[in-house]
Amino acid sequence: MPIFEKFFRWLFSARILIRIGGGVLAFVVVAAVLWNAFDVSGHKRWLAWKADWEAKGESFDAASVIPAAISDEENAAK
């Protein structure tokens, strides 16, 4: 049992906890920077792709997909 006790005392010492916390913090910072870089890159690619297709005549507006309202005379559901 003294080996486990010594190991856990070492594992939960202030020096080791600070190192683990620093490693976790560094990982989170690197992940956030990469996430932001890929997000910005993807947004730029989307805007370029959208502009290319809009130049070809496509519309990405939701109003262009929704059909016009039907008058009450033509509406069989009313």
N, C-alpha and C. Protein backbone atom coordinates (compact mmCIF):
# COMPACT_ATOMS: atom_id res chain seq x y z
N MET A 1 0.80 -1.22 0.00
CA MET A 1 0.00 0.00 0.00
C MET A 1 0.83 1.28 0.00
N PRO A 2 2.03 1.28 0.53
CA PRO A 2 2.77 2.54 0.53
C PRO A 2 3.10 3.03 -0.88
N ILE A 3 3.18 2.10 -1.86
CA ILE A 3 3.48 2.53 -3.23
C ILE A 3 2.32 3.34 -3.79
N PHE A 4 1.09 2.86 -3.59
CA PHE A 4 -0.08 3.59 -4.07
C PHE A 4 -0.24 4.93 -3.36
N GLU A 5 0.01 4.91 -2.07
CA GLU A 5 -0.10 6.15 -1.30
C GLU A 5 0.91 7.18 -1.79
N LYS A 6 2.13 6.73 -2.06
CA LYS A 6 3.16 7.63 -2.55
C LYS A 6 2.81 8.14 -3.95
N PHE A 7 2.29 7.25 -4.79
CA PHE A 7 1.90 7.64 -6.15
C PHE A 7 0.79 8.68 -6.13
N PHE A 8 -0.25 8.44 -5.32
CA PHE A 8 -1.37 9.39 -5.28
C PHE A 8 -0.96 10.71 -4.65
N ARG A 9 -0.06 10.67 -3.69
CA ARG A 9 0.43 11.92 -3.10
C ARG A 9 1.20 12.71 -4.17
N TRP A 10 1.97 11.99 -5.00
CA TRP A 10 2.70 12.65 -6.08
C TRP A 10 1.73 13.18 -7.15
N LEU A 11 0.73 12.36 -7.52
CA LEU A 11 -0.20 12.71 -8.58
C LEU A 11 -1.01 13.95 -8.23
N PHE A 12 -1.41 14.08 -6.99
CA PHE A 12 -2.24 15.20 -6.57
C PHE A 12 -1.44 16.30 -5.89
N SER A 13 -0.14 16.34 -6.13
CA SER A 13 0.66 17.43 -5.59
C SER A 13 0.40 18.69 -6.41
N ALA A 14 0.70 19.83 -5.83
CA ALA A 14 0.43 21.11 -6.49
C ALA A 14 1.21 21.23 -7.80
N ARG A 15 2.43 20.75 -7.83
CA ARG A 15 3.26 20.86 -9.02
C ARG A 15 2.64 20.08 -10.19
N ILE A 16 2.19 18.87 -9.93
CA ILE A 16 1.61 18.04 -10.99
C ILE A 16 0.25 18.59 -11.42
N LEU A 17 -0.55 19.04 -10.47
CA LEU A 17 -1.86 19.60 -10.83
C LEU A 17 -1.71 20.86 -11.68
N ILE A 18 -0.69 21.68 -11.39
CA ILE A 18 -0.45 22.87 -12.20
C ILE A 18 -0.02 22.48 -13.60
N ARG A 19 0.82 21.45 -13.72
CA ARG A 19 1.24 20.99 -15.04
C ARG A 19 0.07 20.41 -15.83
N ILE A 20 -0.77 19.64 -15.18
CA ILE A 20 -1.94 19.08 -15.86
C ILE A 20 -2.89 20.20 -16.28
N GLY A 21 -3.12 21.15 -15.39
CA GLY A 21 -3.99 22.29 -15.72
C GLY A 21 -3.43 23.11 -16.87
N GLY A 22 -2.12 23.31 -16.88
CA GLY A 22 -1.49 24.04 -17.99
C GLY A 22 -1.62 23.30 -19.30
N GLY A 23 -1.49 21.98 -19.25
CA GLY A 23 -1.65 21.18 -20.46
C GLY A 23 -3.07 21.24 -20.99
N VAL A 24 -4.04 21.16 -20.09
CA VAL A 24 -5.44 21.24 -20.50
C VAL A 24 -5.74 22.63 -21.08
N LEU A 25 -5.23 23.65 -20.44
CA LEU A 25 -5.43 25.02 -20.93
C LEU A 25 -4.80 25.21 -22.30
N ALA A 26 -3.59 24.69 -22.49
CA ALA A 26 -2.93 24.80 -23.79
C ALA A 26 -3.73 24.07 -24.87
N PHE A 27 -4.25 22.89 -24.54
CA PHE A 27 -5.06 22.14 -25.50
C PHE A 27 -6.32 22.91 -25.88
N VAL A 28 -6.98 23.51 -24.90
CA VAL A 28 -8.20 24.27 -25.18
C VAL A 28 -7.90 25.48 -26.06
N VAL A 29 -6.80 26.16 -25.78
CA VAL A 29 -6.44 27.34 -26.58
C VAL A 29 -6.12 26.93 -28.02
N VAL A 30 -5.35 25.87 -28.20
CA VAL A 30 -5.02 25.41 -29.56
C VAL A 30 -6.28 24.97 -30.29
N ALA A 31 -7.17 24.25 -29.60
CA ALA A 31 -8.41 23.81 -30.23
C ALA A 31 -9.27 25.00 -30.64
N ALA A 32 -9.34 26.03 -29.79
CA ALA A 32 -10.14 27.21 -30.12
C ALA A 32 -9.56 27.97 -31.31
N VAL A 33 -8.24 28.07 -31.37
CA VAL A 33 -7.60 28.77 -32.49
C VAL A 33 -7.85 28.01 -33.79
N LEU A 34 -7.69 26.68 -33.76
CA LEU A 34 -7.94 25.88 -34.96
C LEU A 34 -9.40 25.94 -35.37
N TRP A 35 -10.31 25.88 -34.41
CA TRP A 35 -11.74 25.97 -34.70
C TRP A 35 -12.04 27.28 -35.42
N ASN A 36 -11.50 28.37 -34.89
CA ASN A 36 -11.74 29.68 -35.49
C ASN A 36 -11.14 29.76 -36.89
N ALA A 37 -9.95 29.21 -37.07
CA ALA A 37 -9.30 29.26 -38.39
C ALA A 37 -10.12 28.49 -39.42
N PHE A 38 -10.59 27.30 -39.07
CA PHE A 38 -11.40 26.53 -40.01
C PHE A 38 -12.76 27.18 -40.24
N ASP A 39 -13.31 27.82 -39.22
CA ASP A 39 -14.59 28.50 -39.37
C ASP A 39 -14.47 29.67 -40.35
N VAL A 40 -13.43 30.47 -40.20
CA VAL A 40 -13.22 31.61 -41.10
C VAL A 40 -12.95 31.12 -42.52
N SER A 41 -12.14 30.08 -42.64
CA SER A 41 -11.82 29.53 -43.96
C SER A 41 -13.08 28.99 -44.64
N GLY A 42 -13.89 28.26 -43.89
CA GLY A 42 -15.13 27.71 -44.45
C GLY A 42 -16.11 28.79 -44.85
N HIS A 43 -16.18 29.85 -44.05
CA HIS A 43 -17.09 30.95 -44.37
C HIS A 43 -16.66 31.64 -45.67
N LYS A 44 -15.36 31.85 -45.82
CA LYS A 44 -14.86 32.48 -47.06
C LYS A 44 -15.14 31.59 -48.26
N ARG A 45 -14.94 30.29 -48.11
CA ARG A 45 -15.21 29.37 -49.22
C ARG A 45 -16.70 29.36 -49.55
N TRP A 46 -17.57 29.41 -48.53
CA TRP A 46 -19.01 29.44 -48.77
C TRP A 46 -19.40 30.71 -49.53
N LEU A 47 -18.86 31.84 -49.12
CA LEU A 47 -19.19 33.09 -49.81
C LEU A 47 -18.72 33.06 -51.26
N ALA A 48 -17.55 32.50 -51.52
CA ALA A 48 -17.06 32.41 -52.90
C ALA A 48 -17.94 31.48 -53.72
N TRP A 49 -18.32 30.34 -53.15
CA TRP A 49 -19.18 29.39 -53.86
C TRP A 49 -20.55 29.99 -54.13
N LYS A 50 -21.09 30.69 -53.13
CA LYS A 50 -22.41 31.32 -53.29
C LYS A 50 -22.36 32.41 -54.36
N ALA A 51 -21.30 33.22 -54.36
CA ALA A 51 -21.18 34.28 -55.37
C ALA A 51 -21.04 33.68 -56.77
N ASP A 52 -20.33 32.56 -56.87
CA ASP A 52 -20.18 31.90 -58.17
C ASP A 52 -21.53 31.41 -58.69
N TRP A 53 -22.32 30.80 -57.83
CA TRP A 53 -23.62 30.29 -58.27
C TRP A 53 -24.64 31.41 -58.48
N GLU A 54 -24.53 32.49 -57.71
CA GLU A 54 -25.42 33.63 -57.96
C GLU A 54 -25.09 34.28 -59.30
N ALA A 55 -23.82 34.25 -59.68
CA ALA A 55 -23.43 34.78 -61.00
C ALA A 55 -24.00 33.91 -62.12
N LYS A 56 -24.24 32.63 -61.84
CA LYS A 56 -24.83 31.73 -62.83
C LYS A 56 -26.35 31.86 -62.87
N GLY A 57 -26.93 32.64 -61.94
CA GLY A 57 -28.37 32.87 -61.97
C GLY A 57 -29.15 32.19 -60.85
N GLU A 58 -28.49 31.47 -59.98
CA GLU A 58 -29.19 30.82 -58.86
C GLU A 58 -29.48 31.85 -57.77
N SER A 59 -30.54 31.60 -57.00
CA SER A 59 -30.91 32.48 -55.91
C SER A 59 -30.91 31.69 -54.61
N PHE A 60 -30.32 32.25 -53.57
CA PHE A 60 -30.26 31.59 -52.28
C PHE A 60 -31.18 32.27 -51.26
N ASP A 61 -32.11 33.08 -51.74
CA ASP A 61 -33.05 33.76 -50.87
C ASP A 61 -34.22 32.83 -50.58
N ALA A 62 -34.66 32.77 -49.33
CA ALA A 62 -35.77 31.88 -48.96
C ALA A 62 -37.06 32.30 -49.66
N ALA A 63 -37.23 33.57 -49.91
CA ALA A 63 -38.46 34.06 -50.55
C ALA A 63 -38.58 33.55 -51.99
N SER A 64 -37.47 33.24 -52.62
CA SER A 64 -37.55 32.74 -54.00
C SER A 64 -38.00 31.29 -54.05
N VAL A 65 -37.96 30.59 -52.94
CA VAL A 65 -38.36 29.18 -52.89
C VAL A 65 -39.81 29.02 -52.46
N ILE A 66 -40.29 29.93 -51.63
CA ILE A 66 -41.65 29.86 -51.11
C ILE A 66 -42.64 30.30 -52.19
N PRO A 67 -43.66 29.50 -52.46
CA PRO A 67 -44.62 29.88 -53.50
C PRO A 67 -45.48 31.07 -53.06
N ALA A 68 -46.07 31.73 -54.02
CA ALA A 68 -46.92 32.89 -53.74
C ALA A 68 -48.20 32.44 -53.03
N ALA A 69 -48.80 33.35 -52.30
CA ALA A 69 -50.03 33.04 -51.58
C ALA A 69 -51.17 32.79 -52.57
N ILE A 70 -52.04 31.86 -52.21
CA ILE A 70 -53.18 31.51 -53.06
C ILE A 70 -54.39 32.31 -52.59
N SER A 71 -55.14 32.86 -53.53
CA SER A 71 -56.33 33.62 -53.16
C SER A 71 -57.39 32.69 -52.59
N ASP A 72 -58.34 33.25 -51.86
CA ASP A 72 -59.39 32.45 -51.23
C ASP A 72 -60.28 31.74 -52.26
N GLU A 73 -60.45 32.32 -53.43
CA GLU A 73 -61.27 31.69 -54.45
C GLU A 73 -60.63 30.42 -54.99
N GLU A 74 -59.31 30.40 -55.07
CA GLU A 74 -58.60 29.24 -55.61
C GLU A 74 -58.25 28.21 -54.53
N ASN A 75 -58.40 28.57 -53.28
CA ASN A 75 -57.99 27.70 -52.18
C ASN A 75 -59.11 26.71 -51.87
N ALA A 76 -58.90 25.44 -52.14
CA ALA A 76 -59.91 24.42 -51.90
C ALA A 76 -59.97 24.01 -50.43
N ALA A 77 -58.97 24.35 -49.66
CA ALA A 77 -58.94 23.95 -48.25
C ALA A 77 -59.81 24.85 -47.38
N LYS A 78 -60.19 26.01 -47.88
CA LYS A 78 -61.01 26.92 -47.06
C LYS A 78 -62.47 26.74 -47.32
